[in-house]
Protein backbone atom coordinates (compact mmCIF):
# COMPACT_ATOMS: atom_id res chain seq x y z
CA MET A 1 195.86 -124.01 103.73
CA HIS A 2 193.29 -126.59 102.71
CA ASP A 3 189.83 -126.76 104.24
CA GLU A 4 189.19 -129.83 106.31
CA ALA A 5 187.52 -132.48 104.16
CA VAL A 6 183.96 -133.50 105.06
CA ASP A 7 182.86 -136.98 104.10
CA ALA A 8 179.45 -137.32 102.44
CA VAL A 9 177.17 -140.23 103.26
CA TYR A 10 174.78 -141.99 100.89
CA GLU A 11 171.23 -141.22 102.03
CA LEU A 12 167.65 -140.88 100.85
CA VAL A 13 166.66 -137.21 100.65
CA ILE A 14 163.02 -136.16 101.10
CA SER A 15 161.76 -132.67 100.27
CA VAL A 16 158.17 -131.90 101.31
CA ASP A 17 156.38 -128.74 100.14
CA VAL A 18 152.86 -127.61 101.05
CA ARG A 19 150.54 -126.52 98.23
CA ARG A 20 149.99 -122.74 98.04
CA SER A 21 151.45 -122.11 101.48
CA SER A 22 151.37 -118.35 100.83
CA ASP A 23 147.55 -118.49 101.02
CA TYR A 24 147.71 -119.21 104.76
CA ASP A 25 147.65 -116.32 107.24
CA ASP A 26 149.95 -116.45 110.26
CA ARG A 27 147.53 -118.42 112.44
CA GLY A 28 146.70 -120.71 109.55
CA LYS A 29 150.39 -121.40 108.94
CA THR A 30 150.85 -122.39 112.58
CA ARG A 31 148.02 -124.93 112.32
CA MET A 32 149.25 -126.13 108.94
CA ARG A 33 152.74 -126.76 110.31
CA GLU A 34 151.36 -128.70 113.29
CA GLN A 35 149.32 -130.87 110.93
CA LEU A 36 152.25 -131.38 108.56
CA TYR A 37 154.68 -132.44 111.28
CA GLY A 38 152.04 -134.70 112.82
CA ILE A 39 151.32 -136.43 109.50
CA LEU A 40 155.00 -136.95 108.66
CA GLY A 41 155.99 -138.01 112.18
CA GLN A 42 153.19 -140.56 112.47
CA ALA A 43 154.20 -141.99 109.10
CA PHE A 44 157.85 -142.38 110.16
CA ALA A 45 156.72 -144.16 113.34
CA ALA A 46 154.33 -146.47 111.45
CA ALA A 47 157.12 -147.33 108.98
CA GLY A 48 159.46 -148.23 111.83
CA VAL A 49 161.93 -145.43 111.08
CA PRO A 50 163.63 -144.34 114.34
CA ASP A 51 163.99 -140.64 115.07
CA SER A 52 167.74 -141.11 115.32
CA SER A 53 167.82 -142.09 111.64
CA VAL A 54 166.00 -138.97 110.43
CA HIS A 55 167.70 -135.61 109.94
CA ARG A 56 164.99 -132.90 109.66
CA GLU A 57 165.20 -129.26 108.66
CA ASP A 58 162.22 -126.94 108.86
CA ARG A 59 161.56 -124.96 105.69
CA GLY A 60 158.62 -122.86 106.90
CA ASP A 61 156.27 -124.16 104.22
CA GLY A 62 157.72 -127.65 104.23
CA VAL A 63 160.32 -130.06 105.54
CA LEU A 64 163.68 -131.29 104.27
CA ALA A 65 164.80 -134.67 105.56
CA ALA A 66 167.68 -137.08 105.01
CA ILE A 67 167.29 -140.71 106.05
CA ALA A 68 170.29 -142.67 107.27
CA GLY A 69 171.56 -145.45 105.02
CA SER A 70 170.76 -147.99 107.75
CA VAL A 71 167.05 -147.63 106.83
CA PRO A 72 166.10 -149.54 103.66
CA PRO A 73 164.96 -146.98 101.05
CA ALA A 74 162.12 -149.30 100.00
CA ARG A 75 160.56 -148.85 103.44
CA LEU A 76 160.24 -145.12 102.73
CA LEU A 77 159.06 -145.60 99.13
CA GLY A 78 156.44 -148.12 100.23
CA VAL A 79 155.20 -148.04 103.80
CA TRP A 80 156.12 -144.44 104.65
CA LEU A 81 154.55 -142.90 101.53
CA THR A 82 151.44 -145.04 102.04
CA GLU A 83 151.15 -143.85 105.63
CA VAL A 84 151.59 -140.20 104.63
CA HIS A 85 148.80 -140.61 102.08
CA GLU A 86 146.52 -142.38 104.54
CA ASN A 87 147.11 -139.72 107.18
CA LEU A 88 146.21 -137.00 104.68
CA ARG A 89 143.02 -138.87 103.72
CA ARG A 90 142.08 -139.08 107.38
CA GLU A 91 142.89 -135.48 108.32
CA ASN A 92 141.84 -133.48 105.24
CA PRO A 93 138.03 -133.94 105.30
CA ALA A 94 137.86 -132.01 108.59
CA LEU A 95 140.07 -129.12 107.42
CA LEU A 96 138.78 -125.87 105.92
CA ALA A 97 142.00 -125.76 103.87
CA PRO A 98 142.95 -129.39 103.10
CA LEU A 99 146.67 -130.05 102.92
CA GLY A 100 148.18 -130.81 99.55
CA LEU A 101 151.76 -132.08 99.55
CA ARG A 102 154.45 -132.36 96.90
CA ILE A 103 157.25 -134.75 97.85
CA GLY A 104 160.53 -134.87 95.94
CA LEU A 105 162.78 -137.90 96.46
CA HIS A 106 166.38 -138.58 95.47
CA ILE A 107 169.19 -140.77 96.73
CA GLY A 108 172.87 -139.93 96.76
CA PRO A 109 175.79 -138.43 98.72
CA VAL A 110 174.74 -135.98 101.44
CA THR A 111 177.11 -133.79 103.45
CA HIS A 112 176.20 -132.98 107.07
CA ASP A 113 177.64 -130.01 108.91
CA ALA A 114 176.82 -128.14 112.10
CA VAL A 115 173.82 -126.34 110.62
CA GLY A 116 172.31 -128.75 108.10
CA ILE A 117 172.82 -130.79 104.96
CA SER A 118 174.01 -130.02 101.45
CA GLY A 119 174.97 -131.65 98.18
CA ALA A 120 173.67 -132.27 94.67
CA ALA A 121 171.29 -134.93 96.01
CA VAL A 122 169.68 -132.36 98.31
CA ASP A 123 169.38 -129.80 95.53
CA LEU A 124 167.72 -132.26 93.17
CA ALA A 125 165.19 -133.53 95.73
CA CYS A 126 164.13 -129.95 96.46
CA ARG A 127 163.84 -129.09 92.77
CA LEU A 128 161.76 -132.17 92.05
CA ALA A 129 159.27 -131.17 94.76
CA ASP A 130 159.17 -127.67 93.23
CA ALA A 131 158.61 -128.89 89.65
CA GLN A 132 155.78 -127.16 87.80
CA GLN A 133 154.43 -130.55 86.68
CA ALA A 134 154.03 -131.55 90.33
CA ARG A 135 152.07 -128.38 91.08
CA GLU A 136 149.82 -128.84 88.07
CA LEU A 137 149.24 -132.56 88.68
CA LEU A 138 148.26 -131.96 92.31
CA ASP A 139 145.60 -129.45 91.22
CA GLN A 140 144.27 -131.08 88.06
CA GLU A 141 143.78 -134.44 89.78
CA GLN A 142 142.40 -132.85 92.98
CA ALA A 143 144.89 -134.98 94.88
CA ASP A 144 146.22 -134.82 98.43
CA LEU A 145 149.72 -135.91 97.45
CA VAL A 146 152.00 -136.09 94.44
CA VAL A 147 155.38 -137.82 94.61
CA VAL A 148 158.27 -137.04 92.26
CA ALA A 149 161.14 -139.54 92.32
CA SER A 150 164.47 -139.09 90.59
CA ASP A 151 165.41 -141.34 87.69
CA ARG A 152 168.21 -142.92 89.76
CA LEU A 153 165.87 -143.68 92.64
CA TYR A 154 163.27 -145.16 90.30
CA HIS A 155 165.69 -147.56 88.61
CA GLU A 156 167.79 -148.43 91.68
CA VAL A 157 164.98 -148.89 94.22
CA ILE A 158 161.43 -148.54 92.91
CA THR A 159 161.75 -151.02 90.05
CA GLN A 160 162.80 -153.67 92.59
CA GLY A 161 159.36 -153.49 94.18
CA GLY A 162 158.51 -154.11 97.80
CA ARG A 163 155.64 -153.65 100.22
CA PHE A 164 153.21 -151.03 98.82
CA ILE A 165 155.61 -150.17 95.97
CA GLU A 166 153.95 -150.19 92.54
CA PRO A 167 156.60 -149.38 89.88
CA GLU A 168 154.04 -149.41 87.08
CA HIS A 169 152.08 -146.59 88.75
CA TYR A 170 154.91 -144.08 88.13
CA ALA A 171 154.81 -141.91 84.99
CA PRO A 172 158.08 -140.58 83.48
CA ALA A 173 158.52 -136.96 82.40
CA GLN A 174 161.27 -134.43 81.75
CA VAL A 175 161.59 -131.83 84.52
CA ARG A 176 163.11 -128.37 84.15
CA VAL A 177 163.66 -126.43 87.37
CA LYS A 178 166.17 -123.56 87.52
CA GLU A 179 169.33 -124.87 85.79
CA THR A 180 168.29 -128.50 86.23
CA GLU A 181 166.84 -130.61 83.41
CA THR A 182 166.36 -134.28 84.21
CA ALA A 183 164.08 -137.28 83.92
CA ALA A 184 161.75 -137.86 86.86
CA TRP A 185 158.92 -140.22 87.81
CA PHE A 186 155.51 -139.03 89.01
CA LEU A 187 153.20 -140.93 91.36
CA LEU A 188 149.72 -140.23 92.72
CA PRO A 189 149.54 -142.65 95.70
CA GLY A 190 146.49 -144.87 95.69
CA ARG A 191 145.87 -144.28 91.98
CA PRO A 192 147.10 -145.78 88.70
CA ARG A 193 149.81 -144.26 86.56
CA PRO A 194 148.93 -140.58 85.97
CA SER A 195 148.32 -139.49 82.40
CA GLY A 196 148.73 -136.07 80.94
CA VAL A 197 151.88 -135.11 82.85
CA PRO A 198 153.51 -132.20 80.95
CA GLY A 199 156.79 -133.36 79.43
CA ALA A 200 155.69 -137.00 79.66
CA GLN A 201 157.81 -139.67 77.98
CA PRO A 202 155.32 -142.33 76.84
CA GLY A 203 158.07 -144.50 75.39
CA ALA A 204 160.29 -144.49 78.48
CA ARG A 205 161.32 -147.79 80.02
CA ALA A 206 159.17 -148.73 83.02
CA ALA A 207 158.91 -151.86 85.13
CA ALA A 208 155.48 -152.90 83.95
CA GLN A 209 154.06 -156.15 85.30
CA PRO A 210 152.83 -158.83 82.90
CA GLY A 211 149.21 -158.35 81.99
CA LEU A 212 149.19 -154.57 82.60
CA THR A 213 148.21 -152.41 79.67
CA ALA A 214 148.55 -148.66 79.65
CA GLN A 215 145.44 -146.68 78.82
CA PRO A 216 146.54 -143.46 77.07
CA GLY A 217 144.49 -140.41 77.89
CA MET A 218 142.86 -141.91 80.98
CA THR A 219 142.33 -139.42 83.79
CA VAL A 220 141.20 -140.73 87.14
CA HIS A 221 139.68 -138.73 89.99
CA GLY A 222 139.57 -141.05 92.98
CA ASP A 223 141.37 -144.08 94.37
CA MET A 224 141.66 -147.14 92.21
CA SER A 225 144.31 -149.59 91.13
CA VAL A 226 144.95 -152.49 88.79
CA HIS A 227 146.78 -155.62 89.86
CA HIS A 228 147.94 -158.58 87.81
CA ASP A 229 145.32 -161.36 87.43
CA ASN A 230 142.65 -159.22 89.10
CA THR A 231 140.04 -156.99 87.49
CA TYR A 232 138.60 -154.01 89.37
CA ARG A 233 135.63 -152.33 87.74
CA GLY A 234 134.97 -149.67 90.38
CA PRO A 235 136.88 -147.34 92.68
CA VAL A 236 139.32 -149.33 94.80
CA HIS A 237 141.80 -147.91 97.31
CA ILE A 238 145.10 -149.73 97.60
CA GLY A 239 146.89 -149.11 100.89
CA ARG A 240 146.72 -149.99 104.54
CA LYS A 241 143.31 -150.55 106.05
CA GLY A 242 142.07 -148.80 109.13
CA GLN A 243 138.91 -147.41 110.62
CA ASP A 244 139.11 -144.41 108.32
CA ALA A 245 139.64 -146.44 105.13
């Protein structure tokens, strides 16, 4: 007898992990989870992603989500990530233990069943969020958020650009997690391309804009950006503007 076949659907998978979640006591974890779900939920709403299009699974110290194919992936890579970052910037100054998030992103076939989701795309998104380079980058840059996108997602979606998507701000590196070894792309939202990522591939193909020149060895602590035909000589934050900006 053959098992009944289950059709996979092509979706964007998002794995969110909280930095050093084991440092929180029980009461602290409850508050942390409330803050995490509030930050992510507000970002989905601001990006115009309906609840019906988001499959969520609680992971205790994070969230696993799969976004229906009806939602353009660029909306998540641009507006949603920007909103997550802005929400963290707004919330963290008032917290005794500021949230630090690692977000792994991949796109591919996802299988849904009665209790959750599975598939190679899910595994890879989770492993990207758990990559040692992501942990180290979050700490060494004193950042609120580090994003790790799969090579497929970078070349199929990110290089095409879109609102708040800056392909040239992603840095390539080789990632080894468990039995997985793959190329991935690292982003610190609101900042230029990170340097010093372990396993970096300085010669890797990237979608650089005309007029942009990489600056090897540059480490930035703060929010700044470089845009074609403009010169910024001080800290500049690129993202949505609000009262907290």
